[in-house]
Amino acid sequence: MGRGELIKLIRVLGMLGSDHPGERAAAALVAHRLIKSNNRTWSELLQPAGQRYVGEVIVRTVYEWGIDHAKAAESRIRQVREENDRLRREVTRLRARLGSRAPAQRI
C-alpha cells in the first residue's frame, strides 16, 4: 500500500468516530474498498512487520507481580457492600420523606 493510500486510509478511519451513522458506514465502506483494491486483508495490514498470520490464536499470559487477587477481590466486595448500605439508607430516608407528605387532594 502506497504512502498516499495509507494517509487516505488513516483519514477515513478517523471518520469512524463520527456521531452520524451514515458517515460511519460510508467511512467503513471506503476503508474496506481501499484494502481490497490493494489486494490486501485487514489481517495483513494490522499485523506487526515480519510476522505472518497462520490462522491460530495466540494467547499470552500477563504476569502481575505483587498483586494479590484475593485481597483485591475482598476489597472490591467491601466497597460494593458499603455502597449498597449507603443506597439502602438513602432509599429508607426518601421513603420516610414521601410518607411524611400529606396525600394530595383530588378534585
Protein backbone atom coordinates (compact mmCIF):
# COMPACT_ATOMS: atom_id res chain seq x y z
CA MET A 1 0.00 0.00 0.00
CA GLY A 2 1.46 3.33 -1.05
CA ARG A 3 2.03 6.26 1.30
CA GLY A 4 -0.79 8.31 -0.23
CA GLU A 5 -3.28 5.49 0.10
CA LEU A 6 -2.16 4.84 3.66
CA ILE A 7 -2.72 8.52 4.56
CA LYS A 8 -6.17 8.35 2.96
CA LEU A 9 -6.96 5.20 4.93
CA ILE A 10 -5.89 6.88 8.18
CA ARG A 11 -8.14 9.86 7.46
CA VAL A 12 -11.07 7.63 6.54
CA LEU A 13 -10.62 5.53 9.69
CA GLY A 14 -10.71 8.74 11.71
CA MET A 15 -14.27 9.25 10.46
CA LEU A 16 -15.38 6.01 12.15
CA GLY A 17 -15.82 8.06 15.33
CA SER A 18 -18.43 10.32 13.74
CA ASP A 19 -21.73 11.00 15.52
CA HIS A 20 -23.58 10.34 12.26
CA PRO A 21 -24.30 6.67 11.47
CA GLY A 22 -24.31 7.24 7.71
CA GLU A 23 -20.90 8.90 7.85
CA ARG A 24 -19.51 5.98 9.86
CA ALA A 25 -20.95 3.45 7.41
CA ALA A 26 -19.56 5.32 4.42
CA ALA A 27 -16.12 5.57 6.04
CA ALA A 28 -16.10 1.84 6.79
CA LEU A 29 -17.05 1.05 3.19
CA VAL A 30 -14.33 3.34 1.80
CA ALA A 31 -11.74 1.74 4.12
CA HIS A 32 -12.82 -1.75 3.07
CA ARG A 33 -12.60 -0.83 -0.62
CA LEU A 34 -9.13 0.70 -0.15
CA ILE A 35 -7.87 -2.51 1.42
CA LYS A 36 -9.45 -4.71 -1.28
CA SER A 37 -8.19 -2.52 -4.12
CA ASN A 38 -4.64 -3.18 -2.91
CA ASN A 39 -5.25 -6.94 -2.76
CA ARG A 40 -4.65 -6.86 0.99
CA THR A 41 -6.56 -8.08 4.01
CA TRP A 42 -7.12 -6.32 7.32
CA SER A 43 -5.06 -9.05 8.97
CA GLU A 44 -2.09 -8.34 6.69
CA LEU A 45 -2.36 -4.63 7.29
CA LEU A 46 -2.67 -4.77 11.07
CA GLN A 47 -0.11 -7.41 11.99
CA PRO A 48 3.35 -6.32 13.09
CA ALA A 49 6.05 -6.24 10.43
CA GLY A 50 7.84 -9.53 9.99
CA GLN A 51 5.05 -11.65 11.45
CA ARG A 52 2.66 -13.74 9.45
CA TYR A 53 -0.85 -14.76 10.45
CA VAL A 54 -1.23 -18.51 10.25
CA GLY A 55 -4.79 -18.78 11.50
CA GLU A 56 -4.11 -19.79 15.07
CA VAL A 57 -4.92 -17.92 18.22
CA ILE A 58 -2.01 -16.56 20.19
CA VAL A 59 -2.53 -16.50 23.96
CA ARG A 60 -0.13 -14.53 26.08
CA THR A 61 -0.01 -14.73 29.84
CA VAL A 62 0.43 -11.46 31.64
CA TYR A 63 2.12 -11.73 34.99
CA GLU A 64 1.13 -9.13 37.53
CA TRP A 65 3.90 -9.15 40.10
CA GLY A 66 2.95 -8.15 43.62
CA ILE A 67 -0.82 -8.23 43.11
CA ASP A 68 -2.83 -10.38 45.49
CA HIS A 69 -6.04 -11.02 43.56
CA ALA A 70 -7.85 -12.43 46.58
CA LYS A 71 -7.18 -9.27 48.60
CA ALA A 72 -8.19 -7.11 45.64
CA ALA A 73 -11.47 -9.03 45.31
CA GLU A 74 -12.16 -8.73 49.06
CA SER A 75 -11.51 -5.00 48.88
CA ARG A 76 -13.93 -4.62 45.97
CA ILE A 77 -16.58 -6.65 47.83
CA ARG A 78 -16.20 -4.33 50.83
CA GLN A 79 -16.64 -1.31 48.56
CA VAL A 80 -19.77 -2.77 46.98
CA ARG A 81 -21.25 -3.63 50.39
CA GLU A 82 -20.58 -0.10 51.67
CA GLU A 83 -22.22 1.38 48.59
CA ASN A 84 -25.18 -0.98 48.97
CA ASP A 85 -25.59 0.05 52.64
CA ARG A 86 -25.41 3.73 51.68
CA LEU A 87 -28.05 3.25 48.99
CA ARG A 88 -30.33 1.36 51.40
CA ARG A 89 -30.08 4.23 53.89
CA GLU A 90 -30.88 6.72 51.14
CA VAL A 91 -33.92 4.70 49.99
CA THR A 92 -35.16 4.50 53.60
CA ARG A 93 -34.70 8.26 54.04
CA LEU A 94 -36.53 9.02 50.78
CA ARG A 95 -39.42 6.68 51.68
CA ALA A 96 -39.73 8.44 55.03
CA ARG A 97 -39.85 11.83 53.28
CA LEU A 98 -42.52 10.61 50.88
CA GLY A 99 -44.53 9.05 53.72
CA SER A 100 -44.48 12.25 55.76
CA ARG A 101 -46.11 14.29 52.99
CA ALA A 102 -49.84 14.66 53.12
CA PRO A 103 -51.60 12.85 50.31
CA ALA A 104 -52.68 15.17 47.50
CA GLN A 105 -56.31 16.21 47.49
CA ARG A 106 -58.24 15.02 44.45
CA ILE A 107 -60.72 17.36 42.92
